[in-house]
């Protein structure tokens, strides 16, 4: 059994039964827009909150038990969230595009190689002009209680190089069930400019070929 699926057999330390306040605030500010994808959604509290505020919302997680519990919550609350078992490193397989993508505590679980794959995966799922809101534990969070990797601002900026734009990074907090966990985090706003129209080809490491103009029989080629 996968580690995360095993953890969801009970109540994971990070599952406090309510949406994270930082993402509630983003929605209140009007920054959660259009179609929303919550990656690493767990049992779905953030995604269910977005849906309750009227957003078309998907949630994906690698742990089947987490998705089963998220679907149960959606049925109980009569909220139309689509929850799917899927890898955040393979979002192209969804064959969907979103205006807003949220990550509440997923990025800091990846090793260095997976970070690069993750950035490329997000690129495949984000619509032109869309934004990613990414919350991860910062290096300011004490390490005496263990937990996942801590992340610096420099590491976020290094992962999300061109064609990405890291538009802002600010101090934030995770709400937790444990007084010993301060929850010190970074909240990054990351996007790709509208003018970048070759995102897929950049992800694949090559430029997309532009087909030659089609000749129409009998048509003049002069100005």
N, C-alpha and C. Protein backbone atom coordinates (compact mmCIF):
# COMPACT_ATOMS: atom_id res chain seq x y z
N UNK A 1 0.84 -1.19 0.00
CA UNK A 1 0.00 0.00 0.00
C UNK A 1 0.88 1.25 0.00
N UNK A 2 0.53 2.24 -0.82
CA UNK A 2 1.28 3.48 -0.88
C UNK A 2 1.20 4.20 0.46
N UNK A 3 2.30 4.88 0.84
CA UNK A 3 2.37 5.54 2.13
C UNK A 3 1.18 6.45 2.38
N UNK A 4 0.87 7.33 1.43
CA UNK A 4 -0.21 8.30 1.66
C UNK A 4 -1.57 7.61 1.76
N UNK A 5 -1.79 6.56 0.96
CA UNK A 5 -3.05 5.86 1.07
C UNK A 5 -3.18 5.19 2.44
N UNK A 6 -2.06 4.68 2.94
CA UNK A 6 -2.08 4.06 4.27
C UNK A 6 -2.41 5.09 5.34
N UNK A 7 -1.83 6.28 5.22
CA UNK A 7 -2.09 7.33 6.20
C UNK A 7 -3.57 7.70 6.22
N UNK A 8 -4.21 7.69 5.04
CA UNK A 8 -5.62 8.08 4.97
C UNK A 8 -6.56 6.99 5.49
N UNK A 9 -6.03 5.86 5.92
CA UNK A 9 -6.87 4.88 6.59
C UNK A 9 -7.36 5.46 7.93
N UNK A 10 -6.60 6.38 8.47
CA UNK A 10 -7.00 7.11 9.67
C UNK A 10 -7.19 8.57 9.31
N UNK A 11 -6.83 9.46 10.24
CA UNK A 11 -6.89 10.90 9.99
C UNK A 11 -5.47 11.44 9.91
N UNK A 12 -5.02 11.86 8.75
CA UNK A 12 -3.65 12.37 8.62
C UNK A 12 -3.44 13.63 9.46
N UNK A 13 -2.22 13.89 9.87
CA UNK A 13 -1.94 15.08 10.69
C UNK A 13 -2.37 16.38 10.02
N UNK A 14 -2.34 16.42 8.68
CA UNK A 14 -2.65 17.66 7.97
C UNK A 14 -4.14 17.82 7.67
N UNK A 15 -4.96 16.84 7.99
CA UNK A 15 -6.38 16.89 7.67
C UNK A 15 -7.15 17.39 8.90
N UNK A 16 -7.50 18.70 8.88
CA UNK A 16 -8.15 19.28 10.04
C UNK A 16 -9.66 19.47 9.85
N UNK A 17 -10.21 18.93 8.76
CA UNK A 17 -11.64 18.95 8.57
C UNK A 17 -12.23 20.26 8.12
N UNK A 18 -11.42 21.16 7.61
CA UNK A 18 -11.92 22.44 7.12
C UNK A 18 -10.94 22.99 6.07
N UNK A 19 -11.39 23.92 5.23
CA UNK A 19 -10.47 24.48 4.24
C UNK A 19 -9.38 25.31 4.90
N UNK A 20 -8.24 25.38 4.23
CA UNK A 20 -7.14 26.18 4.76
C UNK A 20 -7.48 27.67 4.67
N UNK A 21 -7.29 28.42 5.77
CA UNK A 21 -7.64 29.85 5.78
C UNK A 21 -6.99 30.66 4.68
N UNK A 22 -5.76 30.32 4.29
CA UNK A 22 -5.09 31.09 3.24
C UNK A 22 -5.87 31.01 1.92
N UNK A 23 -6.47 29.85 1.63
CA UNK A 23 -7.21 29.69 0.39
C UNK A 23 -8.63 30.26 0.51
N UNK A 24 -9.16 30.25 1.71
CA UNK A 24 -10.43 30.94 1.95
C UNK A 24 -10.25 32.43 1.68
N UNK A 25 -9.13 32.99 2.14
CA UNK A 25 -8.86 34.40 1.93
C UNK A 25 -8.67 34.72 0.45
N UNK A 26 -7.96 33.85 -0.27
CA UNK A 26 -7.79 34.07 -1.71
C UNK A 26 -9.13 34.13 -2.41
N UNK A 27 -10.05 33.24 -2.03
CA UNK A 27 -11.36 33.24 -2.66
C UNK A 27 -12.12 34.52 -2.31
N UNK A 28 -12.02 34.96 -1.07
CA UNK A 28 -12.70 36.18 -0.65
C UNK A 28 -12.18 37.40 -1.41
N UNK A 29 -10.91 37.36 -1.79
CA UNK A 29 -10.30 38.45 -2.54
C UNK A 29 -10.61 38.39 -4.03
N UNK A 30 -11.34 37.36 -4.46
CA UNK A 30 -11.68 37.22 -5.87
C UNK A 30 -10.57 36.67 -6.73
N UNK A 31 -9.61 35.99 -6.11
CA UNK A 31 -8.46 35.49 -6.87
C UNK A 31 -8.62 34.04 -7.31
N UNK A 32 -9.61 33.35 -6.79
CA UNK A 32 -9.94 32.01 -7.27
C UNK A 32 -11.02 32.17 -8.33
N UNK A 33 -10.67 31.94 -9.58
CA UNK A 33 -11.59 32.26 -10.68
C UNK A 33 -11.71 31.07 -11.64
N UNK A 34 -12.83 31.08 -12.40
CA UNK A 34 -13.02 30.10 -13.46
C UNK A 34 -13.04 28.67 -12.97
N UNK A 35 -12.57 27.77 -13.84
CA UNK A 35 -12.47 26.35 -13.48
C UNK A 35 -11.28 26.17 -12.54
N UNK A 36 -11.48 25.41 -11.48
CA UNK A 36 -10.47 25.26 -10.44
C UNK A 36 -10.05 23.80 -10.32
N UNK A 37 -8.74 23.59 -10.21
CA UNK A 37 -8.19 22.26 -9.93
C UNK A 37 -7.40 22.35 -8.64
N UNK A 38 -7.75 21.49 -7.65
CA UNK A 38 -6.99 21.39 -6.42
C UNK A 38 -6.16 20.12 -6.49
N UNK A 39 -4.83 20.28 -6.57
CA UNK A 39 -3.94 19.13 -6.70
C UNK A 39 -3.51 18.66 -5.32
N UNK A 40 -3.44 17.33 -5.15
CA UNK A 40 -3.16 16.80 -3.83
C UNK A 40 -4.27 17.16 -2.86
N UNK A 41 -5.51 16.96 -3.30
CA UNK A 41 -6.68 17.49 -2.59
C UNK A 41 -6.98 16.78 -1.28
N UNK A 42 -6.39 15.60 -1.04
CA UNK A 42 -6.70 14.87 0.17
C UNK A 42 -8.17 14.51 0.23
N UNK A 43 -8.78 14.74 1.39
CA UNK A 43 -10.21 14.41 1.53
C UNK A 43 -11.12 15.55 1.07
N UNK A 44 -10.54 16.56 0.42
CA UNK A 44 -11.33 17.47 -0.38
C UNK A 44 -11.82 18.76 0.23
N UNK A 45 -11.35 19.16 1.41
CA UNK A 45 -11.94 20.33 2.06
C UNK A 45 -11.77 21.62 1.25
N UNK A 46 -10.60 21.85 0.67
CA UNK A 46 -10.43 23.07 -0.14
C UNK A 46 -11.30 23.03 -1.38
N UNK A 47 -11.30 21.89 -2.08
CA UNK A 47 -12.10 21.77 -3.30
C UNK A 47 -13.59 21.93 -3.00
N UNK A 48 -14.05 21.34 -1.91
CA UNK A 48 -15.46 21.45 -1.53
C UNK A 48 -15.82 22.89 -1.19
N UNK A 49 -14.90 23.59 -0.56
CA UNK A 49 -15.12 25.01 -0.26
C UNK A 49 -15.28 25.82 -1.55
N UNK A 50 -14.37 25.59 -2.52
CA UNK A 50 -14.46 26.33 -3.78
C UNK A 50 -15.79 26.05 -4.48
N UNK A 51 -16.19 24.79 -4.50
CA UNK A 51 -17.46 24.43 -5.14
C UNK A 51 -18.63 25.09 -4.43
N UNK A 52 -18.57 25.16 -3.11
CA UNK A 52 -19.62 25.82 -2.35
C UNK A 52 -19.72 27.30 -2.63
N UNK A 53 -18.64 27.88 -3.13
CA UNK A 53 -18.63 29.29 -3.51
C UNK A 53 -18.97 29.49 -4.98
N UNK A 54 -19.38 28.41 -5.65
CA UNK A 54 -19.88 28.52 -7.01
C UNK A 54 -18.88 28.23 -8.10
N UNK A 55 -17.71 27.73 -7.77
CA UNK A 55 -16.70 27.45 -8.79
C UNK A 55 -16.83 26.01 -9.30
N UNK A 56 -16.66 25.83 -10.62
CA UNK A 56 -16.56 24.48 -11.17
C UNK A 56 -15.21 23.92 -10.72
N UNK A 57 -15.24 22.83 -9.98
CA UNK A 57 -14.03 22.39 -9.28
C UNK A 57 -13.75 20.92 -9.48
N UNK A 58 -12.46 20.63 -9.69
CA UNK A 58 -11.94 19.26 -9.68
C UNK A 58 -10.96 19.15 -8.51
N UNK A 59 -10.84 17.93 -7.99
CA UNK A 59 -9.80 17.63 -7.01
C UNK A 59 -9.14 16.32 -7.39
N UNK A 60 -7.81 16.28 -7.36
CA UNK A 60 -7.11 15.03 -7.67
C UNK A 60 -6.14 14.70 -6.55
N UNK A 61 -5.98 13.40 -6.32
CA UNK A 61 -5.02 12.92 -5.33
C UNK A 61 -4.56 11.54 -5.75
N UNK A 62 -3.34 11.19 -5.36
CA UNK A 62 -2.75 9.90 -5.71
C UNK A 62 -3.27 8.78 -4.80
N UNK A 63 -3.89 9.16 -3.67
CA UNK A 63 -4.34 8.18 -2.68
C UNK A 63 -5.81 7.83 -2.90
N UNK A 64 -6.13 6.61 -3.31
CA UNK A 64 -7.53 6.23 -3.55
C UNK A 64 -8.43 6.40 -2.32
N UNK A 65 -7.90 6.12 -1.14
CA UNK A 65 -8.72 6.26 0.07
C UNK A 65 -9.10 7.71 0.29
N UNK A 66 -8.19 8.64 0.04
CA UNK A 66 -8.50 10.06 0.18
C UNK A 66 -9.61 10.46 -0.79
N UNK A 67 -9.53 9.99 -2.02
CA UNK A 67 -10.55 10.35 -3.02
C UNK A 67 -11.89 9.72 -2.66
N UNK A 68 -11.88 8.52 -2.16
CA UNK A 68 -13.15 7.90 -1.74
C UNK A 68 -13.82 8.74 -0.66
N UNK A 69 -13.03 9.18 0.31
CA UNK A 69 -13.60 9.99 1.38
C UNK A 69 -14.05 11.35 0.88
N UNK A 70 -13.32 11.92 -0.07
CA UNK A 70 -13.72 13.21 -0.65
C UNK A 70 -15.05 13.08 -1.40
N UNK A 71 -15.22 12.00 -2.14
CA UNK A 71 -16.48 11.78 -2.85
C UNK A 71 -17.64 11.61 -1.88
N UNK A 72 -17.40 10.93 -0.77
CA UNK A 72 -18.45 10.77 0.24
C UNK A 72 -18.86 12.14 0.79
N UNK A 73 -17.89 13.00 1.06
CA UNK A 73 -18.20 14.33 1.55
C UNK A 73 -19.01 15.12 0.52
N UNK A 74 -18.62 15.00 -0.74
CA UNK A 74 -19.33 15.73 -1.79
C UNK A 74 -20.80 15.29 -1.87
N UNK A 75 -21.03 13.99 -1.76
CA UNK A 75 -22.41 13.50 -1.77
C UNK A 75 -23.18 14.00 -0.55
N UNK A 76 -22.57 13.94 0.62
CA UNK A 76 -23.24 14.37 1.85
C UNK A 76 -23.59 15.85 1.80
N UNK A 77 -22.72 16.65 1.18
CA UNK A 77 -22.93 18.11 1.14
C UNK A 77 -23.61 18.57 -0.14
N UNK A 78 -23.93 17.61 -1.03
CA UNK A 78 -24.59 17.91 -2.32
C UNK A 78 -23.81 18.97 -3.10
N UNK A 79 -22.50 18.76 -3.21
CA UNK A 79 -21.65 19.68 -3.95
C UNK A 79 -21.07 18.97 -5.17
N UNK A 80 -21.12 19.61 -6.34
CA UNK A 80 -20.73 18.94 -7.59
C UNK A 80 -19.24 19.01 -7.89
N UNK A 81 -18.42 18.48 -7.00
CA UNK A 81 -16.98 18.44 -7.25
C UNK A 81 -16.64 17.12 -7.94
N UNK A 82 -15.76 17.19 -8.93
CA UNK A 82 -15.28 15.96 -9.56
C UNK A 82 -13.95 15.58 -8.91
N UNK A 83 -13.94 14.48 -8.20
CA UNK A 83 -12.74 13.97 -7.55
C UNK A 83 -12.22 12.76 -8.32
N UNK A 84 -10.92 12.77 -8.64
CA UNK A 84 -10.31 11.69 -9.41
C UNK A 84 -8.99 11.25 -8.78
N UNK A 85 -8.73 9.94 -8.85
CA UNK A 85 -7.41 9.42 -8.48
C UNK A 85 -6.48 9.70 -9.65
N UNK A 86 -5.47 10.51 -9.42
CA UNK A 86 -4.56 10.89 -10.50
C UNK A 86 -3.26 11.39 -9.89
N UNK A 87 -2.20 11.37 -10.69
CA UNK A 87 -0.90 11.85 -10.25
C UNK A 87 -0.73 13.32 -10.61
N UNK A 88 -0.29 14.12 -9.66
CA UNK A 88 -0.01 15.53 -9.93
C UNK A 88 1.16 15.70 -10.89
N UNK A 89 1.93 14.62 -11.10
CA UNK A 89 3.06 14.69 -12.04
C UNK A 89 2.64 14.33 -13.46
N UNK A 90 1.37 13.99 -13.66
CA UNK A 90 0.89 13.57 -14.98
C UNK A 90 -0.47 14.22 -15.29
N UNK A 91 -0.57 15.51 -15.06
CA UNK A 91 -1.85 16.21 -15.23
C UNK A 91 -2.29 16.28 -16.69
N UNK A 92 -1.37 16.14 -17.63
CA UNK A 92 -1.76 16.13 -19.04
C UNK A 92 -2.74 15.00 -19.34
N UNK A 93 -2.68 13.92 -18.55
CA UNK A 93 -3.56 12.79 -18.78
C UNK A 93 -5.02 13.09 -18.44
N UNK A 94 -5.27 14.21 -17.75
CA UNK A 94 -6.65 14.61 -17.49
C UNK A 94 -7.33 15.13 -18.75
N UNK A 95 -6.53 15.65 -19.69
CA UNK A 95 -7.06 16.25 -20.93
C UNK A 95 -8.03 17.39 -20.59
N UNK A 96 -7.67 18.18 -19.59
CA UNK A 96 -8.48 19.30 -19.14
C UNK A 96 -7.58 20.50 -18.89
N UNK A 97 -8.17 21.70 -19.01
CA UNK A 97 -7.44 22.92 -18.68
C UNK A 97 -8.23 23.70 -17.61
N UNK A 98 -7.50 24.40 -16.75
CA UNK A 98 -8.11 25.10 -15.64
C UNK A 98 -7.60 26.54 -15.58
N UNK A 99 -8.44 27.42 -15.03
CA UNK A 99 -8.07 28.83 -14.88
C UNK A 99 -7.27 29.06 -13.60
N UNK A 100 -7.57 28.26 -12.58
CA UNK A 100 -6.90 28.38 -11.29
C UNK A 100 -6.51 26.98 -10.81
N UNK A 101 -5.26 26.83 -10.39
CA UNK A 101 -4.81 25.57 -9.79
C UNK A 101 -4.29 25.89 -8.39
N UNK A 102 -4.73 25.11 -7.41
CA UNK A 102 -4.28 25.32 -6.03
C UNK A 102 -3.51 24.11 -5.54
N UNK A 103 -2.49 24.39 -4.75
CA UNK A 103 -1.64 23.36 -4.15
C UNK A 103 -1.45 23.74 -2.69
N UNK A 104 -2.11 23.01 -1.81
CA UNK A 104 -2.01 23.28 -0.37
C UNK A 104 -1.22 22.15 0.28
N UNK A 105 0.10 22.28 0.28
CA UNK A 105 0.93 21.32 0.98
C UNK A 105 1.37 20.11 0.17
N UNK A 106 1.36 20.21 -1.15
CA UNK A 106 1.84 19.10 -1.98
C UNK A 106 3.29 19.31 -2.42
N UNK A 107 3.62 20.51 -2.86
CA UNK A 107 4.94 20.77 -3.43
C UNK A 107 6.06 20.33 -2.51
N UNK A 108 5.91 20.55 -1.20
CA UNK A 108 7.01 20.23 -0.29
C UNK A 108 7.22 18.73 -0.08
N UNK A 109 6.38 17.89 -0.70
CA UNK A 109 6.59 16.44 -0.60
C UNK A 109 7.50 15.90 -1.70
N UNK A 110 7.82 16.72 -2.71
CA UNK A 110 8.56 16.23 -3.88
C UNK A 110 10.07 16.34 -3.68
N UNK A 111 10.78 15.37 -4.29
CA UNK A 111 12.23 15.49 -4.36
C UNK A 111 12.59 16.42 -5.51
N UNK A 112 13.88 16.69 -5.69
CA UNK A 112 14.29 17.68 -6.68
C UNK A 112 13.85 17.33 -8.10
N UNK A 113 14.03 16.06 -8.50
CA UNK A 113 13.65 15.65 -9.86
C UNK A 113 12.15 15.78 -10.06
N UNK A 114 11.37 15.43 -9.05
CA UNK A 114 9.92 15.49 -9.18
C UNK A 114 9.42 16.93 -9.25
N UNK A 115 10.15 17.86 -8.65
CA UNK A 115 9.75 19.27 -8.72
C UNK A 115 9.70 19.74 -10.17
N UNK A 116 10.71 19.38 -10.95
CA UNK A 116 10.74 19.78 -12.35
C UNK A 116 9.58 19.16 -13.11
N UNK A 117 9.33 17.87 -12.87
CA UNK A 117 8.18 17.20 -13.51
C UNK A 117 6.87 17.86 -13.12
N UNK A 118 6.78 18.27 -11.88
CA UNK A 118 5.56 18.90 -11.38
C UNK A 118 5.29 20.22 -12.10
N UNK A 119 6.32 21.03 -12.25
CA UNK A 119 6.16 22.31 -12.95
C UNK A 119 5.68 22.08 -14.38
N UNK A 120 6.25 21.09 -15.07
CA UNK A 120 5.84 20.78 -16.43
C UNK A 120 4.40 20.26 -16.46
N UNK A 121 4.05 19.45 -15.47
CA UNK A 121 2.70 18.90 -15.39
C UNK A 121 1.67 20.00 -15.19
N UNK A 122 1.94 20.94 -14.31
CA UNK A 122 1.04 22.07 -14.10
C UNK A 122 0.87 22.88 -15.37
N UNK A 123 1.95 23.04 -16.09
CA UNK A 123 1.93 23.80 -17.35
C UNK A 123 0.94 23.20 -18.33
N UNK A 124 0.83 21.88 -18.35
CA UNK A 124 -0.07 21.19 -19.27
C UNK A 124 -1.53 21.34 -18.89
N UNK A 125 -1.81 21.72 -17.63
CA UNK A 125 -3.19 21.78 -17.16
C UNK A 125 -3.71 23.20 -16.96
N UNK A 126 -2.85 24.20 -17.12
CA UNK A 126 -3.24 25.58 -16.86
C UNK A 126 -3.58 26.31 -18.15
N UNK A 127 -4.69 27.01 -18.16
CA UNK A 127 -5.06 27.79 -19.33
C UNK A 127 -4.18 29.03 -19.45
N UNK A 128 -4.02 29.57 -20.67
CA UNK A 128 -3.26 30.82 -20.83
C UNK A 128 -3.84 31.91 -19.94
N UNK A 129 -2.97 32.59 -19.21
CA UNK A 129 -3.41 33.65 -18.32
C UNK A 129 -3.87 33.16 -16.96
N UNK A 130 -3.87 31.84 -16.74
CA UNK A 130 -4.29 31.30 -15.45
C UNK A 130 -3.21 31.44 -14.39
N UNK A 131 -3.56 31.07 -13.16
CA UNK A 131 -2.61 31.18 -12.06
C UNK A 131 -2.62 29.94 -11.17
N UNK A 132 -1.45 29.68 -10.61
CA UNK A 132 -1.28 28.63 -9.61
C UNK A 132 -1.02 29.30 -8.28
N UNK A 133 -1.72 28.85 -7.24
CA UNK A 133 -1.46 29.30 -5.87
C UNK A 133 -0.91 28.12 -5.10
N UNK A 134 0.32 28.26 -4.65
CA UNK A 134 1.07 27.14 -4.07
C UNK A 134 1.49 27.49 -2.65
N UNK A 135 1.04 26.68 -1.68
CA UNK A 135 1.43 26.87 -0.29
C UNK A 135 2.30 25.69 0.14
N UNK A 136 3.46 26.00 0.72
CA UNK A 136 4.38 24.94 1.16
C UNK A 136 5.08 25.39 2.44
N UNK A 137 5.52 24.42 3.24
CA UNK A 137 6.26 24.76 4.45
C UNK A 137 7.52 25.53 4.10
N UNK A 138 7.79 26.59 4.83
CA UNK A 138 8.99 27.39 4.60
C UNK A 138 10.12 26.95 5.52
N UNK A 139 11.32 27.43 5.22
CA UNK A 139 12.49 27.10 6.03
C UNK A 139 12.40 27.73 7.42
N UNK A 140 11.41 28.60 7.64
CA UNK A 140 11.23 29.22 8.95
C UNK A 140 10.45 28.33 9.92
N UNK A 141 9.84 27.24 9.40
CA UNK A 141 9.12 26.31 10.27
C UNK A 141 10.13 25.45 11.04
N UNK A 142 10.02 25.38 12.37
CA UNK A 142 10.93 24.53 13.15
C UNK A 142 10.90 23.08 12.66
N UNK A 143 12.04 22.41 12.81
CA UNK A 143 12.15 21.03 12.33
C UNK A 143 12.11 20.00 13.46
N UNK A 144 11.93 20.47 14.72
CA UNK A 144 12.00 19.54 15.84
C UNK A 144 10.86 18.52 15.86
N UNK A 145 9.78 18.81 15.13
CA UNK A 145 8.66 17.85 15.09
C UNK A 145 8.68 16.96 13.86
N UNK A 146 9.71 17.11 13.03
CA UNK A 146 9.80 16.30 11.81
C UNK A 146 9.05 16.95 10.67
N UNK A 147 8.24 16.15 9.99
CA UNK A 147 7.45 16.69 8.89
C UNK A 147 8.19 16.69 7.57
N UNK A 148 7.57 17.29 6.54
CA UNK A 148 8.15 17.27 5.19
C UNK A 148 9.31 18.24 5.04
N UNK A 149 9.86 18.26 3.84
CA UNK A 149 10.95 19.19 3.53
C UNK A 149 10.49 20.63 3.72
N UNK A 150 11.40 21.46 4.17
CA UNK A 150 11.14 22.90 4.18
C UNK A 150 11.64 23.48 2.87
N UNK A 151 11.02 24.55 2.43
CA UNK A 151 11.29 25.09 1.10
C UNK A 151 11.65 26.57 1.23
N UNK A 152 12.65 27.00 0.48
CA UNK A 152 13.02 28.42 0.44
C UNK A 152 12.36 29.09 -0.76
N UNK A 153 12.29 30.41 -0.71
CA UNK A 153 11.78 31.16 -1.85
C UNK A 153 12.64 30.89 -3.09
N UNK A 154 13.95 30.80 -2.88
CA UNK A 154 14.85 30.56 -4.01
C UNK A 154 14.52 29.24 -4.71
N UNK A 155 14.17 28.22 -3.93
CA UNK A 155 13.84 26.92 -4.53
C UNK A 155 12.56 27.01 -5.36
N UNK A 156 11.59 27.77 -4.89
CA UNK A 156 10.36 27.95 -5.67
C UNK A 156 10.69 28.63 -6.98
N UNK A 157 11.47 29.70 -6.93
CA UNK A 157 11.80 30.44 -8.14
C UNK A 157 12.64 29.59 -9.10
N UNK A 158 13.51 28.76 -8.56
CA UNK A 158 14.33 27.90 -9.42
C UNK A 158 13.47 26.86 -10.13
N UNK A 159 12.48 26.30 -9.43
CA UNK A 159 11.61 25.30 -10.04
C UNK A 159 10.75 25.90 -11.13
N UNK A 160 10.23 27.09 -10.88
CA UNK A 160 9.30 27.71 -11.83
C UNK A 160 10.00 28.81 -12.63
N UNK A 161 10.97 28.35 -13.45
CA UNK A 161 11.63 29.25 -14.37
C UNK A 161 10.79 29.43 -15.63
N UNK A 162 11.32 30.13 -16.64
CA UNK A 162 10.57 30.37 -17.88
C UNK A 162 10.04 29.06 -18.46
N UNK A 163 8.80 29.05 -19.00
CA UNK A 163 7.95 30.22 -19.27
C UNK A 163 7.13 30.71 -18.08
N UNK A 164 7.33 30.15 -16.90
CA UNK A 164 6.58 30.59 -15.73
C UNK A 164 7.02 31.97 -15.27
N UNK A 165 6.12 32.66 -14.60
CA UNK A 165 6.44 33.88 -13.87
C UNK A 165 6.02 33.69 -12.42
N UNK A 166 6.98 33.83 -11.50
CA UNK A 166 6.65 33.82 -10.08
C UNK A 166 6.27 35.26 -9.73
N UNK A 167 4.97 35.48 -9.58
CA UNK A 167 4.45 36.84 -9.46
C UNK A 167 4.55 37.38 -8.04
N UNK A 168 4.48 36.52 -7.06
CA UNK A 168 4.67 36.95 -5.68
C UNK A 168 4.89 35.73 -4.80
N UNK A 169 5.61 35.94 -3.71
CA UNK A 169 5.74 34.94 -2.65
C UNK A 169 5.63 35.69 -1.34
N UNK A 170 4.71 35.29 -0.50
CA UNK A 170 4.55 35.95 0.79
C UNK A 170 4.47 34.92 1.91
N UNK A 171 4.75 35.36 3.12
CA UNK A 171 4.64 34.50 4.28
C UNK A 171 3.18 34.11 4.52
N UNK A 172 2.96 32.87 4.92
CA UNK A 172 1.61 32.36 5.15
C UNK A 172 1.66 31.36 6.30
N UNK A 173 0.49 30.81 6.63
CA UNK A 173 0.42 29.82 7.70
C UNK A 173 -0.51 28.68 7.29
N UNK A 174 -0.10 27.45 7.60
CA UNK A 174 -1.00 26.31 7.54
C UNK A 174 -1.74 26.21 8.87
N UNK A 175 -3.04 25.96 8.81
CA UNK A 175 -3.80 25.63 10.00
C UNK A 175 -3.63 24.13 10.26
N UNK A 176 -3.28 23.77 11.48
CA UNK A 176 -3.06 22.37 11.82
C UNK A 176 -3.83 22.00 13.09
N UNK A 177 -3.84 20.72 13.39
CA UNK A 177 -4.50 20.22 14.60
C UNK A 177 -3.55 20.16 15.79
N UNK A 178 -2.29 20.57 15.59
CA UNK A 178 -1.29 20.35 16.63
C UNK A 178 -0.65 21.67 17.06
N UNK A 179 -0.73 22.01 18.34
CA UNK A 179 -0.14 23.26 18.83
C UNK A 179 1.36 23.36 18.59
N UNK A 180 2.05 22.22 18.52
CA UNK A 180 3.50 22.24 18.35
C UNK A 180 3.92 22.60 16.93
N UNK A 181 2.98 22.57 15.99
CA UNK A 181 3.28 22.90 14.59
C UNK A 181 2.88 24.34 14.32
N UNK A 182 3.86 25.18 14.08
CA UNK A 182 3.58 26.59 13.83
C UNK A 182 2.94 26.82 12.46
N UNK A 183 3.24 25.95 11.50
CA UNK A 183 2.62 26.06 10.19
C UNK A 183 3.19 27.17 9.32
N UNK A 184 4.42 27.57 9.57
CA UNK A 184 5.02 28.66 8.78
C UNK A 184 5.22 28.20 7.33
N UNK A 185 4.76 29.01 6.42
CA UNK A 185 4.72 28.60 5.01
C UNK A 185 4.99 29.79 4.10
N UNK A 186 5.21 29.45 2.83
CA UNK A 186 5.20 30.44 1.75
C UNK A 186 3.95 30.21 0.92
N UNK A 187 3.34 31.29 0.48
CA UNK A 187 2.25 31.22 -0.49
C UNK A 187 2.72 31.92 -1.75
N UNK A 188 2.91 31.14 -2.81
CA UNK A 188 3.41 31.67 -4.08
C UNK A 188 2.29 31.79 -5.09
N UNK A 189 2.31 32.89 -5.82
CA UNK A 189 1.40 33.10 -6.95
C UNK A 189 2.23 32.98 -8.22
N UNK A 190 1.89 32.01 -9.06
CA UNK A 190 2.72 31.66 -10.21
C UNK A 190 1.82 31.56 -11.44
N UNK A 191 2.28 32.08 -12.56
CA UNK A 191 1.47 32.01 -13.78
C UNK A 191 2.33 31.97 -15.03
N UNK A 192 1.64 31.89 -16.16
CA UNK A 192 2.29 31.93 -17.47
C UNK A 192 1.63 33.04 -18.26
N UNK A 193 2.40 33.96 -18.85
CA UNK A 193 1.80 35.07 -19.57
C UNK A 193 0.90 34.62 -20.72
N UNK A 194 -0.12 35.42 -21.01
CA UNK A 194 -1.02 35.13 -22.13
C UNK A 194 -0.26 35.01 -23.44
N UNK A 195 0.81 35.77 -23.58
CA UNK A 195 1.52 35.81 -24.86
C UNK A 195 2.27 34.52 -25.16
N UNK A 196 2.47 33.69 -24.15
CA UNK A 196 3.18 32.43 -24.38
C UNK A 196 2.19 31.42 -24.92
N UNK A 197 2.31 31.10 -26.23
CA UNK A 197 1.35 30.20 -26.85
C UNK A 197 1.97 28.87 -27.26
N UNK A 198 3.22 28.65 -26.83
CA UNK A 198 3.85 27.38 -27.20
C UNK A 198 4.21 26.59 -25.95
N UNK A 199 3.36 26.66 -24.92
CA UNK A 199 3.66 26.03 -23.65
C UNK A 199 3.88 24.53 -23.80
N UNK A 200 3.01 23.87 -24.58
CA UNK A 200 3.15 22.42 -24.71
C UNK A 200 4.50 22.04 -25.28
N UNK A 201 4.92 22.79 -26.31
CA UNK A 201 6.18 22.44 -26.95
C UNK A 201 7.35 22.72 -26.02
N UNK A 202 7.24 23.75 -25.17
CA UNK A 202 8.32 24.02 -24.24
C UNK A 202 8.41 22.92 -23.20
N UNK A 203 7.27 22.44 -22.76
CA UNK A 203 7.27 21.36 -21.79
C UNK A 203 7.97 20.13 -22.36
N UNK A 204 7.73 19.87 -23.65
CA UNK A 204 8.33 18.71 -24.29
C UNK A 204 9.77 18.93 -24.70
N UNK A 205 10.24 20.19 -24.58
CA UNK A 205 11.63 20.48 -24.89
C UNK A 205 11.89 20.76 -26.36
N UNK A 206 10.83 21.06 -27.12
CA UNK A 206 11.05 21.39 -28.52
C UNK A 206 9.97 22.33 -28.99
N UNK A 207 10.30 23.13 -29.99
CA UNK A 207 9.34 24.06 -30.55
C UNK A 207 8.37 23.32 -31.46
N UNK A 208 7.12 23.79 -31.41
CA UNK A 208 6.11 23.21 -32.26
C UNK A 208 6.30 23.68 -33.70
N UNK A 209 6.21 22.77 -34.65
CA UNK A 209 6.35 23.16 -36.05
C UNK A 209 5.15 23.94 -36.50
N UNK A 210 5.39 25.01 -37.24
CA UNK A 210 4.31 25.81 -37.83
C UNK A 210 4.15 25.36 -39.27
N UNK A 211 2.98 24.85 -39.66
CA UNK A 211 2.81 24.36 -41.02
C UNK A 211 2.93 25.47 -42.05
N UNK A 212 3.44 25.11 -43.22
CA UNK A 212 3.55 26.08 -44.31
C UNK A 212 2.17 26.47 -44.80
N UNK A 213 2.02 27.72 -45.30
CA UNK A 213 0.72 28.15 -45.82
C UNK A 213 0.24 27.21 -46.93
N UNK A 214 -1.03 26.94 -46.94
CA UNK A 214 -1.60 26.06 -47.93
C UNK A 214 -1.82 26.80 -49.24
N UNK A 215 -1.33 26.23 -50.38
CA UNK A 215 -1.56 26.83 -51.69
C UNK A 215 -2.95 26.46 -52.18
N UNK A 216 -3.69 27.45 -52.61
CA UNK A 216 -5.01 27.23 -53.19
C UNK A 216 -4.89 27.36 -54.69
N UNK A 217 -5.29 26.31 -55.42
CA UNK A 217 -5.13 26.29 -56.87
C UNK A 217 -5.84 27.48 -57.49
N UNK A 218 -5.11 28.19 -58.31
CA UNK A 218 -5.68 29.30 -59.04
C UNK A 218 -5.62 30.61 -58.30
N UNK A 219 -5.15 30.60 -57.06
CA UNK A 219 -5.10 31.83 -56.29
C UNK A 219 -3.79 32.55 -56.56
N UNK A 220 -3.84 33.86 -56.54
CA UNK A 220 -2.64 34.65 -56.78
C UNK A 220 -1.84 34.74 -55.50
N UNK A 221 -0.50 34.73 -55.61
CA UNK A 221 0.37 34.88 -54.45
C UNK A 221 0.93 36.29 -54.37
N UNK A 222 0.53 37.16 -55.29
CA UNK A 222 1.04 38.52 -55.27
C UNK A 222 0.23 39.37 -54.30
N UNK A 223 0.78 40.48 -53.80
CA UNK A 223 0.05 41.33 -52.84
C UNK A 223 -1.23 41.86 -53.47
